[in-house]
Amino acid sequence: MVVLNRIYTRTGDDGTTALGSGERRPKFDLRIEAYGTVDETNACIGVARLSAALEDADVNAMLGRIQNDLFDLGADLCTPDTGAKLKYEPLRVVAAQVDRLEAEMDRLNADLQPLRSFVLPGGTAAAAALHVARTVSRRAERLIVHLAQTEPVGEPALKYMNRLSDFLFVASRYLNNRAGGDVLWTPGQNR
């Protein structure tokens, strides 16, 4: 259970922050960058939901589930699996979360036409915001993959981040399709 009585603690004034295990690390540590960028992704999805709530209730609900999953992912990344016994069971992303994301993506993608061009970020307000979230999620994924080269990261966490950017892309296409279609790239159009 999370209890926050006071937001500032002053413990980070020295440029460090605590992991879920209690270990302190510099705020520029790769693990901190990774879960911080997951948090940034979550904030971008929150902005996208402002418009998604008006455009499609199902997509908005899916995004709400994803936001909760991203907090799970942040908790997962905040507590490295070192094999040491902890006083609590750390929260980990599980395969069922990846499976749900794939199933929801398949549902949104079912009636979309195959792409014959790259898509420009844009279209409806929600679709454009989802493209921003997609690019931030890709950055988070790159950081998590980099982290996994030097420290343990759970396979479901890696898979979830890989699927998330795909989901956000498909969701943007789905919303644009409902509004008239994708905004397509025309190679060399302005030469």
N, C-alpha and C. Protein backbone atom coordinates (compact mmCIF):
# COMPACT_ATOMS: atom_id res chain seq x y z
N MET A 1 0.84 -1.18 0.00
CA MET A 1 0.00 0.00 0.00
C MET A 1 0.88 1.24 0.00
N VAL A 2 0.52 2.21 -0.79
CA VAL A 2 1.27 3.45 -0.89
C VAL A 2 0.63 4.49 0.03
N VAL A 3 1.45 5.12 0.85
CA VAL A 3 1.00 6.21 1.71
C VAL A 3 1.95 7.38 1.50
N LEU A 4 1.42 8.48 1.02
CA LEU A 4 2.23 9.68 0.79
C LEU A 4 1.66 10.83 1.62
N ASN A 5 2.25 11.07 2.76
CA ASN A 5 1.80 12.18 3.60
C ASN A 5 2.49 13.47 3.22
N ARG A 6 3.74 13.35 2.82
CA ARG A 6 4.53 14.51 2.43
C ARG A 6 5.19 14.19 1.10
N ILE A 7 5.14 15.09 0.16
CA ILE A 7 5.69 14.83 -1.16
C ILE A 7 7.20 15.02 -1.18
N TYR A 8 7.71 16.03 -0.52
CA TYR A 8 9.15 16.22 -0.52
C TYR A 8 9.76 15.56 0.71
N THR A 9 10.92 14.93 0.49
CA THR A 9 11.61 14.24 1.59
C THR A 9 13.00 14.79 1.84
N ARG A 10 13.53 15.51 0.87
CA ARG A 10 14.87 16.09 0.89
C ARG A 10 15.97 15.03 0.74
N THR A 11 15.59 13.75 0.65
CA THR A 11 16.62 12.71 0.52
C THR A 11 17.28 12.72 -0.84
N GLY A 12 16.63 13.31 -1.82
CA GLY A 12 17.21 13.37 -3.16
C GLY A 12 18.00 14.63 -3.44
N ASP A 13 18.14 15.46 -2.44
CA ASP A 13 18.88 16.70 -2.63
C ASP A 13 20.34 16.48 -2.99
N ASP A 14 20.84 15.29 -2.69
CA ASP A 14 22.25 14.97 -3.02
C ASP A 14 22.39 14.39 -4.42
N GLY A 15 21.29 14.37 -5.19
CA GLY A 15 21.35 13.85 -6.56
C GLY A 15 21.15 12.35 -6.67
N THR A 16 20.65 11.72 -5.59
CA THR A 16 20.38 10.29 -5.63
C THR A 16 18.90 10.05 -5.37
N THR A 17 18.46 8.85 -5.67
CA THR A 17 17.08 8.44 -5.39
C THR A 17 17.11 6.98 -4.96
N ALA A 18 16.08 6.56 -4.27
CA ALA A 18 16.02 5.20 -3.75
C ALA A 18 15.27 4.28 -4.70
N LEU A 19 15.79 3.09 -4.90
CA LEU A 19 15.08 2.05 -5.61
C LEU A 19 14.11 1.38 -4.64
N GLY A 20 13.27 0.51 -5.14
CA GLY A 20 12.33 -0.22 -4.30
C GLY A 20 13.02 -1.09 -3.27
N SER A 21 14.24 -1.46 -3.54
CA SER A 21 15.02 -2.29 -2.62
C SER A 21 15.65 -1.47 -1.50
N GLY A 22 15.57 -0.14 -1.60
CA GLY A 22 16.21 0.73 -0.63
C GLY A 22 17.57 1.24 -1.08
N GLU A 23 18.16 0.56 -2.07
CA GLU A 23 19.46 0.99 -2.62
C GLU A 23 19.31 2.39 -3.21
N ARG A 24 20.31 3.23 -2.99
CA ARG A 24 20.30 4.57 -3.56
C ARG A 24 21.19 4.60 -4.79
N ARG A 25 20.69 5.30 -5.81
CA ARG A 25 21.44 5.44 -7.06
C ARG A 25 21.39 6.88 -7.52
N PRO A 26 22.37 7.29 -8.34
CA PRO A 26 22.33 8.64 -8.91
C PRO A 26 21.08 8.80 -9.79
N LYS A 27 20.53 9.97 -9.81
CA LYS A 27 19.32 10.22 -10.59
C LYS A 27 19.54 10.06 -12.09
N PHE A 28 20.80 10.06 -12.52
CA PHE A 28 21.10 9.85 -13.94
C PHE A 28 21.38 8.39 -14.26
N ASP A 29 21.24 7.51 -13.28
CA ASP A 29 21.46 6.08 -13.47
C ASP A 29 20.53 5.55 -14.57
N LEU A 30 21.01 4.61 -15.34
CA LEU A 30 20.23 4.07 -16.46
C LEU A 30 18.90 3.48 -16.00
N ARG A 31 18.87 2.83 -14.87
CA ARG A 31 17.61 2.26 -14.37
C ARG A 31 16.61 3.39 -14.06
N ILE A 32 17.10 4.46 -13.48
CA ILE A 32 16.23 5.60 -13.15
C ILE A 32 15.73 6.24 -14.45
N GLU A 33 16.63 6.39 -15.43
CA GLU A 33 16.24 6.93 -16.74
C GLU A 33 15.16 6.06 -17.38
N ALA A 34 15.31 4.74 -17.26
CA ALA A 34 14.36 3.82 -17.88
C ALA A 34 12.97 3.97 -17.27
N TYR A 35 12.87 3.86 -15.94
CA TYR A 35 11.52 3.95 -15.39
C TYR A 35 11.00 5.38 -15.38
N GLY A 36 11.88 6.36 -15.41
CA GLY A 36 11.44 7.75 -15.57
C GLY A 36 10.82 7.98 -16.94
N THR A 37 11.37 7.34 -17.95
CA THR A 37 10.82 7.50 -19.30
C THR A 37 9.54 6.70 -19.46
N VAL A 38 9.39 5.61 -18.72
CA VAL A 38 8.10 4.90 -18.66
C VAL A 38 7.05 5.84 -18.06
N ASP A 39 7.42 6.58 -17.01
CA ASP A 39 6.52 7.54 -16.39
C ASP A 39 6.16 8.65 -17.38
N GLU A 40 7.12 9.10 -18.16
CA GLU A 40 6.87 10.11 -19.19
C GLU A 40 5.89 9.57 -20.24
N THR A 41 6.05 8.32 -20.63
CA THR A 41 5.12 7.68 -21.55
C THR A 41 3.71 7.70 -20.98
N ASN A 42 3.61 7.37 -19.69
CA ASN A 42 2.31 7.35 -19.03
C ASN A 42 1.67 8.73 -19.06
N ALA A 43 2.46 9.77 -18.82
CA ALA A 43 1.92 11.13 -18.85
C ALA A 43 1.43 11.49 -20.26
N CYS A 44 2.16 11.07 -21.28
CA CYS A 44 1.74 11.32 -22.67
C CYS A 44 0.42 10.61 -22.96
N ILE A 45 0.27 9.40 -22.46
CA ILE A 45 -0.99 8.68 -22.65
C ILE A 45 -2.12 9.39 -21.92
N GLY A 46 -1.83 9.94 -20.75
CA GLY A 46 -2.84 10.73 -20.04
C GLY A 46 -3.33 11.90 -20.86
N VAL A 47 -2.42 12.58 -21.55
CA VAL A 47 -2.81 13.69 -22.43
C VAL A 47 -3.65 13.15 -23.59
N ALA A 48 -3.25 12.04 -24.17
CA ALA A 48 -4.00 11.45 -25.29
C ALA A 48 -5.42 11.08 -24.86
N ARG A 49 -5.57 10.66 -23.61
CA ARG A 49 -6.90 10.26 -23.13
C ARG A 49 -7.87 11.42 -23.05
N LEU A 50 -7.37 12.65 -22.94
CA LEU A 50 -8.28 13.80 -22.93
C LEU A 50 -9.13 13.84 -24.19
N SER A 51 -8.50 13.52 -25.32
CA SER A 51 -9.22 13.49 -26.59
C SER A 51 -9.84 12.13 -26.86
N ALA A 52 -9.14 11.07 -26.48
CA ALA A 52 -9.66 9.72 -26.72
C ALA A 52 -11.00 9.52 -26.02
N ALA A 53 -11.17 10.12 -24.85
CA ALA A 53 -12.43 9.98 -24.13
C ALA A 53 -13.60 10.53 -24.95
N LEU A 54 -13.33 11.52 -25.79
CA LEU A 54 -14.37 12.11 -26.63
C LEU A 54 -14.53 11.36 -27.94
N GLU A 55 -13.47 10.66 -28.38
CA GLU A 55 -13.49 10.02 -29.69
C GLU A 55 -13.93 8.56 -29.65
N ASP A 56 -13.56 7.82 -28.60
CA ASP A 56 -13.89 6.39 -28.56
C ASP A 56 -13.73 5.87 -27.14
N ALA A 57 -14.84 5.49 -26.52
CA ALA A 57 -14.83 5.02 -25.13
C ALA A 57 -14.00 3.75 -24.95
N ASP A 58 -14.03 2.84 -25.93
CA ASP A 58 -13.27 1.59 -25.81
C ASP A 58 -11.77 1.86 -25.82
N VAL A 59 -11.31 2.70 -26.73
CA VAL A 59 -9.89 3.05 -26.79
C VAL A 59 -9.48 3.75 -25.50
N ASN A 60 -10.32 4.64 -25.01
CA ASN A 60 -10.02 5.33 -23.76
C ASN A 60 -9.87 4.33 -22.61
N ALA A 61 -10.75 3.33 -22.54
CA ALA A 61 -10.65 2.30 -21.49
C ALA A 61 -9.37 1.49 -21.63
N MET A 62 -9.01 1.16 -22.87
CA MET A 62 -7.76 0.43 -23.10
C MET A 62 -6.57 1.25 -22.61
N LEU A 63 -6.59 2.53 -22.92
CA LEU A 63 -5.49 3.41 -22.49
C LEU A 63 -5.44 3.52 -20.97
N GLY A 64 -6.58 3.49 -20.32
CA GLY A 64 -6.61 3.51 -18.86
C GLY A 64 -5.95 2.27 -18.28
N ARG A 65 -6.22 1.11 -18.88
CA ARG A 65 -5.58 -0.14 -18.43
C ARG A 65 -4.07 -0.06 -18.65
N ILE A 66 -3.67 0.51 -19.78
CA ILE A 66 -2.24 0.65 -20.08
C ILE A 66 -1.57 1.56 -19.06
N GLN A 67 -2.23 2.65 -18.69
CA GLN A 67 -1.63 3.54 -17.70
C GLN A 67 -1.37 2.79 -16.39
N ASN A 68 -2.31 1.96 -15.98
CA ASN A 68 -2.10 1.18 -14.77
C ASN A 68 -0.95 0.19 -14.95
N ASP A 69 -0.89 -0.45 -16.12
CA ASP A 69 0.22 -1.38 -16.42
C ASP A 69 1.56 -0.65 -16.36
N LEU A 70 1.60 0.60 -16.83
CA LEU A 70 2.86 1.33 -16.82
C LEU A 70 3.33 1.64 -15.40
N PHE A 71 2.39 1.82 -14.47
CA PHE A 71 2.80 1.94 -13.07
C PHE A 71 3.37 0.63 -12.58
N ASP A 72 2.74 -0.49 -12.99
CA ASP A 72 3.30 -1.81 -12.65
C ASP A 72 4.71 -1.94 -13.19
N LEU A 73 4.91 -1.52 -14.43
CA LEU A 73 6.22 -1.61 -15.06
C LEU A 73 7.24 -0.74 -14.33
N GLY A 74 6.83 0.46 -13.94
CA GLY A 74 7.73 1.31 -13.18
C GLY A 74 8.13 0.66 -11.87
N ALA A 75 7.18 0.04 -11.20
CA ALA A 75 7.48 -0.66 -9.94
C ALA A 75 8.42 -1.83 -10.19
N ASP A 76 8.19 -2.55 -11.30
CA ASP A 76 9.05 -3.67 -11.69
C ASP A 76 10.49 -3.18 -11.88
N LEU A 77 10.65 -2.13 -12.66
CA LEU A 77 11.98 -1.61 -12.96
C LEU A 77 12.64 -0.97 -11.73
N CYS A 78 11.83 -0.47 -10.82
CA CYS A 78 12.35 0.20 -9.63
C CYS A 78 12.94 -0.79 -8.63
N THR A 79 12.62 -2.07 -8.78
CA THR A 79 13.12 -3.08 -7.85
C THR A 79 13.86 -4.15 -8.66
N PRO A 80 15.17 -3.98 -8.83
CA PRO A 80 15.94 -4.95 -9.61
C PRO A 80 15.87 -6.35 -8.99
N ASP A 81 15.77 -7.34 -9.84
CA ASP A 81 15.76 -8.73 -9.37
C ASP A 81 17.20 -9.21 -9.23
N THR A 82 17.75 -9.01 -8.05
CA THR A 82 19.14 -9.41 -7.79
C THR A 82 19.23 -10.80 -7.19
N GLY A 83 18.08 -11.40 -6.92
CA GLY A 83 18.06 -12.70 -6.25
C GLY A 83 18.05 -12.58 -4.74
N ALA A 84 18.26 -11.36 -4.23
CA ALA A 84 18.26 -11.15 -2.78
C ALA A 84 16.83 -11.23 -2.24
N LYS A 85 16.69 -11.76 -1.05
CA LYS A 85 15.38 -11.85 -0.39
C LYS A 85 14.97 -10.46 0.08
N LEU A 86 13.76 -10.07 -0.30
CA LEU A 86 13.22 -8.77 0.13
C LEU A 86 12.14 -9.00 1.19
N LYS A 87 11.78 -7.94 1.88
CA LYS A 87 10.75 -8.03 2.92
C LYS A 87 9.34 -8.08 2.32
N TYR A 88 9.24 -7.95 1.02
CA TYR A 88 7.95 -7.94 0.34
C TYR A 88 8.11 -8.61 -1.02
N GLU A 89 7.00 -8.96 -1.62
CA GLU A 89 7.00 -9.54 -2.97
C GLU A 89 6.95 -8.39 -3.97
N PRO A 90 8.02 -8.17 -4.74
CA PRO A 90 8.00 -7.05 -5.69
C PRO A 90 7.00 -7.28 -6.82
N LEU A 91 6.41 -6.20 -7.27
CA LEU A 91 5.46 -6.24 -8.36
C LEU A 91 6.22 -6.43 -9.67
N ARG A 92 5.79 -7.37 -10.48
CA ARG A 92 6.42 -7.64 -11.77
C ARG A 92 5.36 -7.64 -12.87
N VAL A 93 5.73 -7.17 -14.04
CA VAL A 93 4.88 -7.29 -15.21
C VAL A 93 4.82 -8.78 -15.56
N VAL A 94 3.64 -9.25 -15.94
CA VAL A 94 3.46 -10.67 -16.25
C VAL A 94 3.00 -10.85 -17.69
N ALA A 95 3.15 -12.06 -18.19
CA ALA A 95 2.81 -12.37 -19.58
C ALA A 95 1.35 -12.05 -19.91
N ALA A 96 0.45 -12.19 -18.95
CA ALA A 96 -0.97 -11.92 -19.20
C ALA A 96 -1.19 -10.45 -19.60
N GLN A 97 -0.37 -9.55 -19.09
CA GLN A 97 -0.51 -8.15 -19.47
C GLN A 97 -0.09 -7.94 -20.93
N VAL A 98 0.94 -8.64 -21.35
CA VAL A 98 1.38 -8.59 -22.75
C VAL A 98 0.30 -9.19 -23.64
N ASP A 99 -0.25 -10.34 -23.22
CA ASP A 99 -1.30 -11.01 -23.99
C ASP A 99 -2.52 -10.12 -24.17
N ARG A 100 -2.94 -9.43 -23.09
CA ARG A 100 -4.10 -8.55 -23.19
C ARG A 100 -3.83 -7.41 -24.17
N LEU A 101 -2.63 -6.84 -24.10
CA LEU A 101 -2.26 -5.76 -25.01
C LEU A 101 -2.31 -6.23 -26.46
N GLU A 102 -1.80 -7.42 -26.72
CA GLU A 102 -1.85 -7.98 -28.08
C GLU A 102 -3.28 -8.20 -28.53
N ALA A 103 -4.13 -8.75 -27.66
CA ALA A 103 -5.53 -9.02 -28.03
C ALA A 103 -6.27 -7.72 -28.34
N GLU A 104 -6.04 -6.69 -27.54
CA GLU A 104 -6.69 -5.41 -27.79
C GLU A 104 -6.18 -4.78 -29.08
N MET A 105 -4.89 -4.93 -29.34
CA MET A 105 -4.32 -4.40 -30.58
C MET A 105 -4.92 -5.14 -31.78
N ASP A 106 -5.02 -6.46 -31.69
CA ASP A 106 -5.61 -7.24 -32.79
C ASP A 106 -7.05 -6.81 -33.05
N ARG A 107 -7.78 -6.53 -31.98
CA ARG A 107 -9.17 -6.09 -32.14
C ARG A 107 -9.25 -4.76 -32.89
N LEU A 108 -8.38 -3.82 -32.53
CA LEU A 108 -8.38 -2.52 -33.20
C LEU A 108 -7.90 -2.62 -34.65
N ASN A 109 -6.99 -3.53 -34.91
CA ASN A 109 -6.38 -3.65 -36.23
C ASN A 109 -7.23 -4.46 -37.21
N ALA A 110 -8.22 -5.19 -36.71
CA ALA A 110 -8.97 -6.14 -37.54
C ALA A 110 -9.57 -5.53 -38.80
N ASP A 111 -10.09 -4.34 -38.72
CA ASP A 111 -10.77 -3.75 -39.88
C ASP A 111 -9.95 -2.69 -40.60
N LEU A 112 -8.69 -2.53 -40.22
CA LEU A 112 -7.85 -1.53 -40.88
C LEU A 112 -7.26 -2.10 -42.17
N GLN A 113 -7.15 -1.25 -43.15
CA GLN A 113 -6.54 -1.64 -44.42
C GLN A 113 -5.03 -1.74 -44.25
N PRO A 114 -4.38 -2.65 -44.97
CA PRO A 114 -2.92 -2.73 -44.91
C PRO A 114 -2.31 -1.39 -45.36
N LEU A 115 -1.20 -1.05 -44.75
CA LEU A 115 -0.52 0.19 -45.11
C LEU A 115 0.26 0.03 -46.40
N ARG A 116 0.22 1.04 -47.25
CA ARG A 116 0.99 1.06 -48.48
C ARG A 116 1.94 2.25 -48.49
N SER A 117 1.98 2.96 -47.36
CA SER A 117 2.85 4.11 -47.19
C SER A 117 3.08 4.28 -45.69
N PHE A 118 4.10 5.04 -45.32
CA PHE A 118 4.28 5.37 -43.92
C PHE A 118 3.23 6.39 -43.51
N VAL A 119 2.90 6.39 -42.22
CA VAL A 119 1.89 7.28 -41.68
C VAL A 119 2.57 8.48 -41.04
N LEU A 120 2.07 9.67 -41.36
CA LEU A 120 2.54 10.87 -40.69
C LEU A 120 1.80 11.03 -39.37
N PRO A 121 2.49 11.42 -38.30
CA PRO A 121 1.79 11.64 -37.04
C PRO A 121 0.79 12.79 -37.20
N GLY A 122 -0.45 12.50 -36.93
CA GLY A 122 -1.48 13.52 -37.06
C GLY A 122 -2.85 12.89 -37.14
N GLY A 123 -3.78 13.62 -37.71
CA GLY A 123 -5.16 13.16 -37.80
C GLY A 123 -5.99 13.75 -36.69
N THR A 124 -6.71 12.91 -35.97
CA THR A 124 -7.52 13.42 -34.86
C THR A 124 -6.60 13.85 -33.72
N ALA A 125 -7.16 14.60 -32.79
CA ALA A 125 -6.37 15.07 -31.65
C ALA A 125 -5.82 13.87 -30.86
N ALA A 126 -6.65 12.87 -30.63
CA ALA A 126 -6.19 11.70 -29.88
C ALA A 126 -5.12 10.93 -30.65
N ALA A 127 -5.32 10.76 -31.96
CA ALA A 127 -4.34 10.03 -32.77
C ALA A 127 -3.00 10.74 -32.75
N ALA A 128 -3.00 12.05 -32.89
CA ALA A 128 -1.74 12.80 -32.86
C ALA A 128 -1.06 12.65 -31.51
N ALA A 129 -1.82 12.73 -30.42
CA ALA A 129 -1.25 12.57 -29.09
C ALA A 129 -0.73 11.15 -28.88
N LEU A 130 -1.40 10.17 -29.46
CA LEU A 130 -0.92 8.78 -29.36
C LEU A 130 0.40 8.60 -30.10
N HIS A 131 0.60 9.32 -31.18
CA HIS A 131 1.89 9.26 -31.88
C HIS A 131 3.01 9.84 -31.00
N VAL A 132 2.72 10.90 -30.26
CA VAL A 132 3.71 11.43 -29.33
C VAL A 132 4.02 10.38 -28.27
N ALA A 133 2.98 9.77 -27.71
CA ALA A 133 3.18 8.72 -26.70
C ALA A 133 3.97 7.55 -27.28
N ARG A 134 3.70 7.22 -28.54
CA ARG A 134 4.41 6.12 -29.21
C ARG A 134 5.90 6.41 -29.28
N THR A 135 6.28 7.62 -29.66
CA THR A 135 7.71 7.92 -29.78
C THR A 135 8.39 7.94 -28.42
N VAL A 136 7.70 8.41 -27.40
CA VAL A 136 8.28 8.39 -26.05
C VAL A 136 8.39 6.95 -25.56
N SER A 137 7.40 6.12 -25.87
CA SER A 137 7.48 4.71 -25.44
C SER A 137 8.63 3.99 -26.13
N ARG A 138 8.92 4.35 -27.36
CA ARG A 138 10.07 3.75 -28.06
C ARG A 138 11.38 4.14 -27.36
N ARG A 139 11.46 5.39 -26.90
CA ARG A 139 12.66 5.81 -26.17
C ARG A 139 12.77 5.03 -24.86
N ALA A 140 11.64 4.86 -24.17
CA ALA A 140 11.65 4.06 -22.93
C ALA A 140 12.11 2.64 -23.22
N GLU A 141 11.61 2.07 -24.32
CA GLU A 141 12.02 0.71 -24.68
C GLU A 141 13.52 0.63 -24.94
N ARG A 142 14.06 1.61 -25.67
CA ARG A 142 15.51 1.60 -25.93
C ARG A 142 16.31 1.64 -24.63
N LEU A 143 15.85 2.45 -23.68
CA LEU A 143 16.54 2.53 -22.39
C LEU A 143 16.44 1.22 -21.61
N ILE A 144 15.27 0.59 -21.65
CA ILE A 144 15.09 -0.69 -20.94
C ILE A 144 15.95 -1.77 -21.58
N VAL A 145 16.01 -1.81 -22.90
CA VAL A 145 16.85 -2.79 -23.59
C VAL A 145 18.32 -2.55 -23.23
N HIS A 146 18.73 -1.30 -23.20
CA HIS A 146 20.10 -0.96 -22.81
C HIS A 146 20.36 -1.43 -21.38
N LEU A 147 19.43 -1.16 -20.48
CA LEU A 147 19.56 -1.60 -19.09
C LEU A 147 19.69 -3.11 -19.00
N ALA A 148 18.93 -3.82 -19.81
CA ALA A 148 18.95 -5.29 -19.77
C ALA A 148 20.29 -5.87 -20.20
N GLN A 149 21.13 -5.05 -20.83
CA GLN A 149 22.46 -5.52 -21.21
C GLN A 149 23.40 -5.61 -20.01
N THR A 150 23.07 -4.90 -18.93
CA THR A 150 23.97 -4.86 -17.77
C THR A 150 23.32 -5.31 -16.47
N GLU A 151 21.99 -5.31 -16.41
CA GLU A 151 21.27 -5.67 -15.19
C GLU A 151 20.05 -6.51 -15.55
N PRO A 152 19.55 -7.30 -14.59
CA PRO A 152 18.37 -8.10 -14.88
C PRO A 152 17.13 -7.25 -15.14
N VAL A 153 16.42 -7.58 -16.20
CA VAL A 153 15.12 -6.99 -16.52
C VAL A 153 14.24 -8.16 -16.96
N GLY A 154 13.06 -8.24 -16.41
CA GLY A 154 12.16 -9.34 -16.73
C GLY A 154 11.74 -9.35 -18.19
N GLU A 155 11.66 -10.55 -18.75
CA GLU A 155 11.25 -10.69 -20.16
C GLU A 155 9.87 -10.10 -20.43
N PRO A 156 8.87 -10.32 -19.54
CA PRO A 156 7.56 -9.69 -19.81
C PRO A 156 7.64 -8.16 -19.86
N ALA A 157 8.51 -7.56 -19.06
CA ALA A 157 8.66 -6.10 -19.09
C ALA A 157 9.19 -5.65 -20.45
N LEU A 158 10.18 -6.36 -20.96
CA LEU A 158 10.73 -6.03 -22.28
C LEU A 158 9.67 -6.20 -23.37
N LYS A 159 8.94 -7.30 -23.31
CA LYS A 159 7.91 -7.55 -24.32
C LYS A 159 6.81 -6.50 -24.24
N TYR A 160 6.41 -6.14 -23.03
CA TYR A 160 5.34 -5.17 -22.88
C TYR A 160 5.71 -3.85 -23.55
N MET A 161 6.92 -3.38 -23.30
CA MET A 161 7.32 -2.11 -23.91
C MET A 161 7.42 -2.21 -25.43
N ASN A 162 7.83 -3.35 -25.93
CA ASN A 162 7.89 -3.53 -27.38
C ASN A 162 6.48 -3.51 -27.99
N ARG A 163 5.53 -4.16 -27.33
CA ARG A 163 4.16 -4.18 -27.84
C ARG A 163 3.47 -2.84 -27.68
N LEU A 164 3.83 -2.10 -26.63
CA LEU A 164 3.11 -0.86 -26.35
C LEU A 164 3.21 0.13 -27.50
N SER A 165 4.38 0.33 -28.06
CA SER A 165 4.48 1.29 -29.16
C SER A 165 3.67 0.81 -30.36
N ASP A 166 3.64 -0.50 -30.58
CA ASP A 166 2.80 -1.04 -31.66
C ASP A 166 1.32 -0.76 -31.39
N PHE A 167 0.91 -0.99 -30.13
CA PHE A 167 -0.48 -0.72 -29.77
C PHE A 167 -0.83 0.74 -30.03
N LEU A 168 0.04 1.65 -29.59
CA LEU A 168 -0.24 3.08 -29.74
C LEU A 168 -0.35 3.46 -31.22
N PHE A 169 0.47 2.84 -32.06
CA PHE A 169 0.40 3.08 -33.50
C PHE A 169 -0.94 2.59 -34.05
N VAL A 170 -1.32 1.37 -33.70
CA VAL A 170 -2.57 0.80 -34.19
C VAL A 170 -3.76 1.60 -33.67
N ALA A 171 -3.72 2.00 -32.41
CA ALA A 171 -4.82 2.79 -31.85
C ALA A 171 -4.96 4.13 -32.58
N SER A 172 -3.83 4.75 -32.93
CA SER A 172 -3.91 6.01 -33.67
C SER A 172 -4.53 5.78 -35.06
N ARG A 173 -4.13 4.70 -35.70
CA ARG A 173 -4.72 4.37 -37.01
C ARG A 173 -6.21 4.09 -36.88
N TYR A 174 -6.60 3.38 -35.85
CA TYR A 174 -8.00 3.05 -35.61
C TYR A 174 -8.83 4.33 -35.46
N LEU A 175 -8.34 5.25 -34.64
CA LEU A 175 -9.07 6.50 -34.44
C LEU A 175 -9.12 7.33 -35.72
N ASN A 176 -8.02 7.38 -36.45
CA ASN A 176 -8.02 8.11 -37.72
C ASN A 176 -8.94 7.46 -38.74
N ASN A 177 -8.99 6.15 -38.75
CA ASN A 177 -9.86 5.43 -39.68
C ASN A 177 -11.32 5.80 -39.42
N ARG A 178 -11.69 5.91 -38.17
CA ARG A 178 -13.07 6.29 -37.81
C ARG A 178 -13.38 7.72 -38.26
N ALA A 179 -12.32 8.53 -38.40
CA ALA A 179 -12.50 9.94 -38.77
C ALA A 179 -12.21 10.22 -40.25
N GLY A 180 -11.92 9.18 -41.02
CA GLY A 180 -11.71 9.39 -42.45
C GLY A 180 -10.44 8.81 -43.03
N GLY A 181 -9.49 8.42 -42.20
CA GLY A 181 -8.30 7.74 -42.72
C GLY A 181 -7.00 8.29 -42.19
N ASP A 182 -5.94 7.55 -42.49
CA ASP A 182 -4.59 7.91 -42.07
C ASP A 182 -4.09 9.15 -42.79
N VAL A 183 -3.14 9.80 -42.18
CA VAL A 183 -2.41 10.88 -42.83
C VAL A 183 -1.14 10.22 -43.38
N LEU A 184 -1.05 10.09 -44.69
CA LEU A 184 0.03 9.31 -45.30
C LEU A 184 1.18 10.18 -45.79
N TRP A 185 2.36 9.62 -45.70
CA TRP A 185 3.57 10.25 -46.22
C TRP A 185 3.58 10.12 -47.73
N THR A 186 3.91 11.19 -48.42
CA THR A 186 4.11 11.17 -49.87
C THR A 186 5.58 11.46 -50.12
N PRO A 187 6.36 10.43 -50.47
CA PRO A 187 7.80 10.62 -50.67
C PRO A 187 8.09 11.69 -51.72
N GLY A 188 8.98 12.60 -51.38
CA GLY A 188 9.42 13.62 -52.33
C GLY A 188 8.37 14.64 -52.71
N GLN A 189 7.29 14.73 -51.98
CA GLN A 189 6.17 15.60 -52.35
C GLN A 189 6.56 17.06 -52.51
N ASN A 190 7.51 17.52 -51.73
CA ASN A 190 7.82 18.96 -51.73
C ASN A 190 9.15 19.28 -52.37
N ARG A 191 9.62 18.46 -53.28
CA ARG A 191 10.90 18.73 -53.97
C ARG A 191 10.75 19.87 -54.92
